[in-house]
PDB file of N, CA and C in Angstrom:
ATOM      1  N   UNK A   1     143.423  87.761-165.690  1.00  0.00           N
ATOM      2  CA  UNK A   1     144.699  87.427-165.087  1.00  0.00           C
ATOM      3  C   UNK A   1     145.750  87.384-166.204  1.00  0.00           C
ATOM      4  N   UNK A   2     146.836  88.059-165.972  1.00  0.00           N
ATOM      5  CA  UNK A   2     147.915  88.062-166.966  1.00  0.00           C
ATOM      6  C   UNK A   2     148.697  86.758-166.880  1.00  0.00           C
ATOM      7  N   UNK A   3     149.466  86.488-167.902  1.00  0.00           N
ATOM      8  CA  UNK A   3     150.310  85.281-167.899  1.00  0.00           C
ATOM      9  C   UNK A   3     151.301  85.314-166.740  1.00  0.00           C
ATOM     10  N   UNK A   4     151.837  86.495-166.461  1.00  0.00           N
ATOM     11  CA  UNK A   4     152.797  86.634-165.364  1.00  0.00           C
ATOM     12  C   UNK A   4     152.135  86.369-164.014  1.00  0.00           C
ATOM     13  N   UNK A   5     150.950  86.899-163.829  1.00  0.00           N
ATOM     14  CA  UNK A   5     150.221  86.682-162.577  1.00  0.00           C
ATOM     15  C   UNK A   5     149.899  85.204-162.402  1.00  0.00           C
ATOM     16  N   UNK A   6     149.451  84.572-163.469  1.00  0.00           N
ATOM     17  CA  UNK A   6     149.137  83.148-163.414  1.00  0.00           C
ATOM     18  C   UNK A   6     150.384  82.336-163.071  1.00  0.00           C
ATOM     19  N   UNK A   7     151.499  82.679-163.674  1.00  0.00           N
ATOM     20  CA  UNK A   7     152.750  81.974-163.388  1.00  0.00           C
ATOM     21  C   UNK A   7     153.151  82.157-161.927  1.00  0.00           C
ATOM     22  N   UNK A   8     152.940  83.341-161.395  1.00  0.00           N
ATOM     23  CA  UNK A   8     153.257  83.589-159.983  1.00  0.00           C
ATOM     24  C   UNK A   8     152.381  82.759-159.053  1.00  0.00           C
ATOM     25  N   UNK A   9     151.073  82.687-159.351  1.00  0.00           N
ATOM     26  CA  UNK A   9     150.176  81.870-158.532  1.00  0.00           C
ATOM     27  C   UNK A   9     150.588  80.396-158.594  1.00  0.00           C
ATOM     28  N   UNK A  10     150.943  79.927-159.791  1.00  0.00           N
ATOM     29  CA  UNK A  10     151.350  78.525-159.946  1.00  0.00           C
ATOM     30  C   UNK A  10     152.638  78.235-159.182  1.00  0.00           C
ATOM     31  N   UNK A  11     153.573  79.158-159.232  1.00  0.00           N
ATOM     32  CA  UNK A  11     154.825  78.982-158.502  1.00  0.00           C
ATOM     33  C   UNK A  11     154.570  78.960-157.000  1.00  0.00           C
ATOM     34  N   UNK A  12     153.757  79.891-156.538  1.00  0.00           N
ATOM     35  CA  UNK A  12     153.434  79.925-155.108  1.00  0.00           C
ATOM     36  C   UNK A  12     152.697  78.662-154.681  1.00  0.00           C
ATOM     37  N   UNK A  13     151.799  78.182-155.520  1.00  0.00           N
ATOM     38  CA  UNK A  13     151.067  76.947-155.212  1.00  0.00           C
ATOM     39  C   UNK A  13     152.028  75.772-155.079  1.00  0.00           C
ATOM     40  N   UNK A  14     152.964  75.677-156.008  1.00  0.00           N
ATOM     41  CA  UNK A  14     153.937  74.581-155.968  1.00  0.00           C
ATOM     42  C   UNK A  14     154.774  74.632-154.696  1.00  0.00           C
ATOM     43  N   UNK A  15     155.248  75.808-154.353  1.00  0.00           N
ATOM     44  CA  UNK A  15     156.042  75.966-153.130  1.00  0.00           C
ATOM     45  C   UNK A  15     155.204  75.653-151.898  1.00  0.00           C
ATOM     46  N   UNK A  16     153.970  76.103-151.894  1.00  0.00           N
ATOM     47  CA  UNK A  16     153.085  75.855-150.743  1.00  0.00           C
ATOM     48  C   UNK A  16     152.836  74.361-150.559  1.00  0.00           C
ATOM     49  N   UNK A  17     152.644  73.638-151.649  1.00  0.00           N
ATOM     50  CA  UNK A  17     152.440  72.190-151.549  1.00  0.00           C
ATOM     51  C   UNK A  17     153.713  71.519-151.044  1.00  0.00           C
ATOM     52  N   UNK A  18     154.849  71.918-151.607  1.00  0.00           N
ATOM     53  CA  UNK A  18     156.120  71.308-151.203  1.00  0.00           C
ATOM     54  C   UNK A  18     156.436  71.546-149.724  1.00  0.00           C
ATOM     55  N   UNK A  19     156.038  72.701-149.207  1.00  0.00           N
ATOM     56  CA  UNK A  19     156.292  73.020-147.793  1.00  0.00           C
ATOM     57  C   UNK A  19     155.102  72.665-146.906  1.00  0.00           C
ATOM     58  N   UNK A  20     154.101  72.065-147.516  1.00  0.00           N
ATOM     59  CA  UNK A  20     152.897  71.595-146.839  1.00  0.00           C
ATOM     60  C   UNK A  20     152.141  72.719-146.131  1.00  0.00           C
ATOM     61  N   UNK A  21     152.110  73.866-146.776  1.00  0.00           N
ATOM     62  CA  UNK A  21     151.306  74.988-146.300  1.00  0.00           C
ATOM     63  C   UNK A  21     149.972  74.904-147.040  1.00  0.00           C
ATOM     64  N   UNK A  22     149.093  74.102-146.493  1.00  0.00           N
ATOM     65  CA  UNK A  22     147.872  73.720-147.185  1.00  0.00           C
ATOM     66  C   UNK A  22     146.934  74.898-147.417  1.00  0.00           C
ATOM     67  N   UNK A  23     146.791  75.770-146.456  1.00  0.00           N
ATOM     68  CA  UNK A  23     145.863  76.885-146.624  1.00  0.00           C
ATOM     69  C   UNK A  23     146.323  77.826-147.731  1.00  0.00           C
ATOM     70  N   UNK A  24     147.620  78.083-147.840  1.00  0.00           N
ATOM     71  CA  UNK A  24     148.134  78.935-148.915  1.00  0.00           C
ATOM     72  C   UNK A  24     147.949  78.231-150.260  1.00  0.00           C
ATOM     73  N   UNK A  25     148.244  76.952-150.324  1.00  0.00           N
ATOM     74  CA  UNK A  25     148.069  76.201-151.567  1.00  0.00           C
ATOM     75  C   UNK A  25     146.609  76.229-152.008  1.00  0.00           C
ATOM     76  N   UNK A  26     145.704  76.049-151.071  1.00  0.00           N
ATOM     77  CA  UNK A  26     144.271  76.089-151.390  1.00  0.00           C
ATOM     78  C   UNK A  26     143.897  77.455-151.968  1.00  0.00           C
ATOM     79  N   UNK A  27     144.383  78.504-151.354  1.00  0.00           N
ATOM     80  CA  UNK A  27     144.095  79.857-151.823  1.00  0.00           C
ATOM     81  C   UNK A  27     144.631  80.064-153.243  1.00  0.00           C
ATOM     82  N   UNK A  28     145.830  79.581-153.494  1.00  0.00           N
ATOM     83  CA  UNK A  28     146.434  79.716-154.832  1.00  0.00           C
ATOM     84  C   UNK A  28     145.595  79.027-155.893  1.00  0.00           C
ATOM     85  N   UNK A  29     145.205  77.794-155.617  1.00  0.00           N
ATOM     86  CA  UNK A  29     144.432  77.055-156.609  1.00  0.00           C
ATOM     87  C   UNK A  29     143.055  77.669-156.815  1.00  0.00           C
ATOM     88  N   UNK A  30     142.490  78.224-155.756  1.00  0.00           N
ATOM     89  CA  UNK A  30     141.211  78.914-155.917  1.00  0.00           C
ATOM     90  C   UNK A  30     141.394  80.140-156.809  1.00  0.00           C
ATOM     91  N   UNK A  31     142.476  80.885-156.607  1.00  0.00           N
ATOM     92  CA  UNK A  31     142.746  82.069-157.427  1.00  0.00           C
ATOM     93  C   UNK A  31     142.976  81.679-158.888  1.00  0.00           C
ATOM     94  N   UNK A  32     143.564  80.512-159.102  1.00  0.00           N
ATOM     95  CA  UNK A  32     143.814  80.033-160.457  1.00  0.00           C
ATOM     96  C   UNK A  32     142.563  79.437-161.113  1.00  0.00           C
ATOM     97  N   UNK A  33     141.521  79.238-160.316  1.00  0.00           N
ATOM     98  CA  UNK A  33     140.300  78.638-160.835  1.00  0.00           C
ATOM     99  C   UNK A  33     140.358  77.128-160.902  1.00  0.00           C
ATOM    100  N   UNK A  34     141.334  76.526-160.232  1.00  0.00           N
ATOM    101  CA  UNK A  34     141.464  75.067-160.208  1.00  0.00           C
ATOM    102  C   UNK A  34     140.653  74.543-159.020  1.00  0.00           C
ATOM    103  N   UNK A  35     139.377  74.423-159.253  1.00  0.00           N
ATOM    104  CA  UNK A  35     138.442  74.062-158.193  1.00  0.00           C
ATOM    105  C   UNK A  35     138.725  72.674-157.624  1.00  0.00           C
ATOM    106  N   UNK A  36     139.091  71.732-158.467  1.00  0.00           N
ATOM    107  CA  UNK A  36     139.306  70.368-157.979  1.00  0.00           C
ATOM    108  C   UNK A  36     140.470  70.312-156.985  1.00  0.00           C
ATOM    109  N   UNK A  37     141.566  71.000-157.274  1.00  0.00           N
ATOM    110  CA  UNK A  37     142.691  70.994-156.336  1.00  0.00           C
ATOM    111  C   UNK A  37     142.363  71.777-155.073  1.00  0.00           C
ATOM    112  N   UNK A  38     141.652  72.884-155.226  1.00  0.00           N
ATOM    113  CA  UNK A  38     141.257  73.666-154.049  1.00  0.00           C
ATOM    114  C   UNK A  38     140.355  72.833-153.136  1.00  0.00           C
ATOM    115  N   UNK A  39     139.424  72.100-153.715  1.00  0.00           N
ATOM    116  CA  UNK A  39     138.528  71.248-152.913  1.00  0.00           C
ATOM    117  C   UNK A  39     139.298  70.085-152.274  1.00  0.00           C
ATOM    118  N   UNK A  40     140.238  69.514-153.013  1.00  0.00           N
ATOM    119  CA  UNK A  40     141.073  68.427-152.492  1.00  0.00           C
ATOM    120  C   UNK A  40     141.840  68.907-151.261  1.00  0.00           C
ATOM    121  N   UNK A  41     142.413  70.103-151.360  1.00  0.00           N
ATOM    122  CA  UNK A  41     143.153  70.660-150.224  1.00  0.00           C
ATOM    123  C   UNK A  41     142.226  70.993-149.068  1.00  0.00           C
ATOM    124  N   UNK A  42     141.014  71.419-149.359  1.00  0.00           N
ATOM    125  CA  UNK A  42     140.027  71.690-148.295  1.00  0.00           C
ATOM    126  C   UNK A  42     139.703  70.406-147.547  1.00  0.00           C
ATOM    127  N   UNK A  43     139.580  69.304-148.281  1.00  0.00           N
ATOM    128  CA  UNK A  43     139.326  68.007-147.640  1.00  0.00           C
ATOM    129  C   UNK A  43     140.494  67.611-146.736  1.00  0.00           C
ATOM    130  N   UNK A  44     141.708  67.878-147.195  1.00  0.00           N
ATOM    131  CA  UNK A  44     142.880  67.582-146.364  1.00  0.00           C
ATOM    132  C   UNK A  44     142.842  68.420-145.086  1.00  0.00           C
ATOM    133  N   UNK A  45     142.452  69.675-145.220  1.00  0.00           N
ATOM    134  CA  UNK A  45     142.336  70.546-144.035  1.00  0.00           C
ATOM    135  C   UNK A  45     141.320  69.977-143.042  1.00  0.00           C
ATOM    136  N   UNK A  46     140.228  69.456-143.554  1.00  0.00           N
ATOM    137  CA  UNK A  46     139.217  68.853-142.671  1.00  0.00           C
ATOM    138  C   UNK A  46     139.759  67.611-141.964  1.00  0.00           C
ATOM    139  N   UNK A  47     140.533  66.806-142.667  1.00  0.00           N
ATOM    140  CA  UNK A  47     141.144  65.631-142.054  1.00  0.00           C
ATOM    141  C   UNK A  47     142.055  66.071-140.913  1.00  0.00           C
ATOM    142  N   UNK A  48     142.855  67.094-141.154  1.00  0.00           N
ATOM    143  CA  UNK A  48     143.752  67.618-140.117  1.00  0.00           C
ATOM    144  C   UNK A  48     142.952  68.118-138.925  1.00  0.00           C
ATOM    145  N   UNK A  49     141.931  68.916-139.191  1.00  0.00           N
ATOM    146  CA  UNK A  49     141.107  69.464-138.112  1.00  0.00           C
ATOM    147  C   UNK A  49     140.463  68.354-137.286  1.00  0.00           C
ATOM    148  N   UNK A  50     139.905  67.352-137.950  1.00  0.00           N
ATOM    149  CA  UNK A  50     139.259  66.246-137.229  1.00  0.00           C
ATOM    150  C   UNK A  50     140.271  65.452-136.412  1.00  0.00           C
ATOM    151  N   UNK A  51     141.430  65.178-136.993  1.00  0.00           N
ATOM    152  CA  UNK A  51     142.479  64.443-136.294  1.00  0.00           C
ATOM    153  C   UNK A  51     142.898  65.198-135.034  1.00  0.00           C
ATOM    154  N   UNK A  52     143.144  66.478-135.179  1.00  0.00           N
ATOM    155  CA  UNK A  52     143.595  67.271-134.032  1.00  0.00           C
ATOM    156  C   UNK A  52     142.504  67.391-132.968  1.00  0.00           C
ATOM    157  N   UNK A  53     141.274  67.493-133.407  1.00  0.00           N
ATOM    158  CA  UNK A  53     140.146  67.571-132.467  1.00  0.00           C
ATOM    159  C   UNK A  53     139.999  66.259-131.692  1.00  0.00           C
ATOM    160  N   UNK A  54     140.124  65.141-132.396  1.00  0.00           N
ATOM    161  CA  UNK A  54     139.955  63.829-131.772  1.00  0.00           C
ATOM    162  C   UNK A  54     141.115  63.455-130.864  1.00  0.00           C
ATOM    163  N   UNK A  55     142.319  63.838-131.243  1.00  0.00           N
ATOM    164  CA  UNK A  55     143.502  63.420-130.477  1.00  0.00           C
ATOM    165  C   UNK A  55     143.993  64.471-129.489  1.00  0.00           C
ATOM    166  N   UNK A  56     143.589  65.727-129.688  1.00  0.00           N
ATOM    167  CA  UNK A  56     144.078  66.804-128.841  1.00  0.00           C
ATOM    168  C   UNK A  56     145.510  67.200-129.177  1.00  0.00           C
ATOM    169  N   UNK A  57     146.015  66.708-130.277  1.00  0.00           N
ATOM    170  CA  UNK A  57     147.386  67.009-130.704  1.00  0.00           C
ATOM    171  C   UNK A  57     147.352  68.106-131.767  1.00  0.00           C
ATOM    172  N   UNK A  58     148.488  68.741-131.968  1.00  0.00           N
ATOM    173  CA  UNK A  58     148.587  69.807-132.969  1.00  0.00           C
ATOM    174  C   UNK A  58     149.510  69.426-134.109  1.00  0.00           C
ATOM    175  N   UNK A  59     149.560  68.142-134.430  1.00  0.00           N
ATOM    176  CA  UNK A  59     150.452  67.673-135.493  1.00  0.00           C
ATOM    177  C   UNK A  59     149.693  66.949-136.606  1.00  0.00           C
ATOM    178  N   UNK A  60     148.536  67.472-136.939  1.00  0.00           N
ATOM    179  CA  UNK A  60     147.707  66.844-137.957  1.00  0.00           C
ATOM    180  C   UNK A  60     148.379  66.735-139.308  1.00  0.00           C
ATOM    181  N   UNK A  61     149.290  67.634-139.603  1.00  0.00           N
ATOM    182  CA  UNK A  61     149.996  67.580-140.880  1.00  0.00           C
ATOM    183  C   UNK A  61     150.848  66.317-140.985  1.00  0.00           C
ATOM    184  N   UNK A  62     151.216  65.741-139.860  1.00  0.00           N
ATOM    185  CA  UNK A  62     152.032  64.517-139.842  1.00  0.00           C
ATOM    186  C   UNK A  62     151.197  63.246-139.906  1.00  0.00           C
ATOM    187  N   UNK A  63     149.899  63.370-139.763  1.00  0.00           N
ATOM    188  CA  UNK A  63     149.000  62.219-139.794  1.00  0.00           C
ATOM    189  C   UNK A  63     149.168  61.482-141.128  1.00  0.00           C
ATOM    190  N   UNK A  64     149.252  60.172-141.073  1.00  0.00           N
ATOM    191  CA  UNK A  64     149.581  59.388-142.267  1.00  0.00           C
ATOM    192  C   UNK A  64     148.597  59.607-143.411  1.00  0.00           C
ATOM    193  N   UNK A  65     147.329  59.796-143.121  1.00  0.00           N
ATOM    194  CA  UNK A  65     146.354  60.017-144.191  1.00  0.00           C
ATOM    195  C   UNK A  65     146.620  61.349-144.896  1.00  0.00           C
ATOM    196  N   UNK A  66     147.009  62.344-144.124  1.00  0.00           N
ATOM    197  CA  UNK A  66     147.327  63.651-144.696  1.00  0.00           C
ATOM    198  C   UNK A  66     148.577  63.554-145.552  1.00  0.00           C
ATOM    199  N   UNK A  67     149.590  62.887-145.038  1.00  0.00           N
ATOM    200  CA  UNK A  67     150.840  62.745-145.791  1.00  0.00           C
ATOM    201  C   UNK A  67     150.623  61.981-147.098  1.00  0.00           C
ATOM    202  N   UNK A  68     149.765  60.986-147.075  1.00  0.00           N
ATOM    203  CA  UNK A  68     149.472  60.217-148.289  1.00  0.00           C
ATOM    204  C   UNK A  68     148.783  61.100-149.328  1.00  0.00           C
ATOM    205  N   UNK A  69     147.820  61.889-148.904  1.00  0.00           N
ATOM    206  CA  UNK A  69     147.116  62.771-149.835  1.00  0.00           C
ATOM    207  C   UNK A  69     148.023  63.868-150.375  1.00  0.00           C
ATOM    208  N   UNK A  70     148.917  64.375-149.542  1.00  0.00           N
ATOM    209  CA  UNK A  70     149.857  65.395-150.002  1.00  0.00           C
ATOM    210  C   UNK A  70     150.842  64.795-151.009  1.00  0.00           C
ATOM    211  N   UNK A  71     151.234  63.552-150.803  1.00  0.00           N
ATOM    212  CA  UNK A  71     152.153  62.891-151.736  1.00  0.00           C
ATOM    213  C   UNK A  71     151.510  62.750-153.111  1.00  0.00           C
ATOM    214  N   UNK A  72     150.222  62.469-153.143  1.00  0.00           N
ATOM    215  CA  UNK A  72     149.510  62.361-154.418  1.00  0.00           C
ATOM    216  C   UNK A  72     149.542  63.705-155.144  1.00  0.00           C
ATOM    217  N   UNK A  73     149.309  64.768-154.402  1.00  0.00           N
ATOM    218  CA  UNK A  73     149.315  66.098-155.002  1.00  0.00           C
ATOM    219  C   UNK A  73     150.728  66.484-155.476  1.00  0.00           C
ATOM    220  N   UNK A  74     151.723  66.209-154.687  1.00  0.00           N
ATOM    221  CA  UNK A  74     153.105  66.532-155.059  1.00  0.00           C
ATOM    222  C   UNK A  74     153.547  65.755-156.304  1.00  0.00           C
ATOM    223  N   UNK A  75     153.061  64.538-156.431  1.00  0.00           N
ATOM    224  CA  UNK A  75     153.437  63.699-157.580  1.00  0.00           C
ATOM    225  C   UNK A  75     153.009  64.340-158.890  1.00  0.00           C
ATOM    226  N   UNK A  76     151.928  65.089-158.867  1.00  0.00           N
ATOM    227  CA  UNK A  76     151.450  65.762-160.077  1.00  0.00           C
ATOM    228  C   UNK A  76     152.465  66.772-160.592  1.00  0.00           C
ATOM    229  N   UNK A  77     153.194  67.415-159.679  1.00  0.00           N
ATOM    230  CA  UNK A  77     154.194  68.396-160.090  1.00  0.00           C
ATOM    231  C   UNK A  77     155.374  67.733-160.781  1.00  0.00           C
ATOM    232  N   UNK A  78     155.701  66.518-160.375  1.00  0.00           N
ATOM    233  CA  UNK A  78     156.839  65.837-160.956  1.00  0.00           C
ATOM    234  C   UNK A  78     156.527  65.264-162.327  1.00  0.00           C
ATOM    235  N   UNK A  79     155.237  65.082-162.623  1.00  0.00           N
ATOM    236  CA  UNK A  79     154.822  64.587-163.933  1.00  0.00           C
ATOM    237  C   UNK A  79     154.859  65.691-164.983  1.00  0.00           C
ATOM    238  N   UNK A  80     154.620  66.905-164.527  1.00  0.00           N
ATOM    239  CA  UNK A  80     154.520  68.036-165.476  1.00  0.00           C
ATOM    240  C   UNK A  80     155.848  68.444-166.059  1.00  0.00           C
TER     241      UNK A  80
END
């Protein structure tokens, strides 16, 4: 992976997290080899899926547990 390609993946990952597009963010981190963030986002996806399955609603991204986990991830960008 070139430096430019890596920078593009990182930029896309940051935008995906900020816009709460979890599947794209997960894909970006997997492409970057950041397994811990990719797995963290996969866990968030499972929380959303379970919430929506249990409630019959399609707003899992708004679920407080999901929002809390996304805030933790977003905070990492502000530290860098």
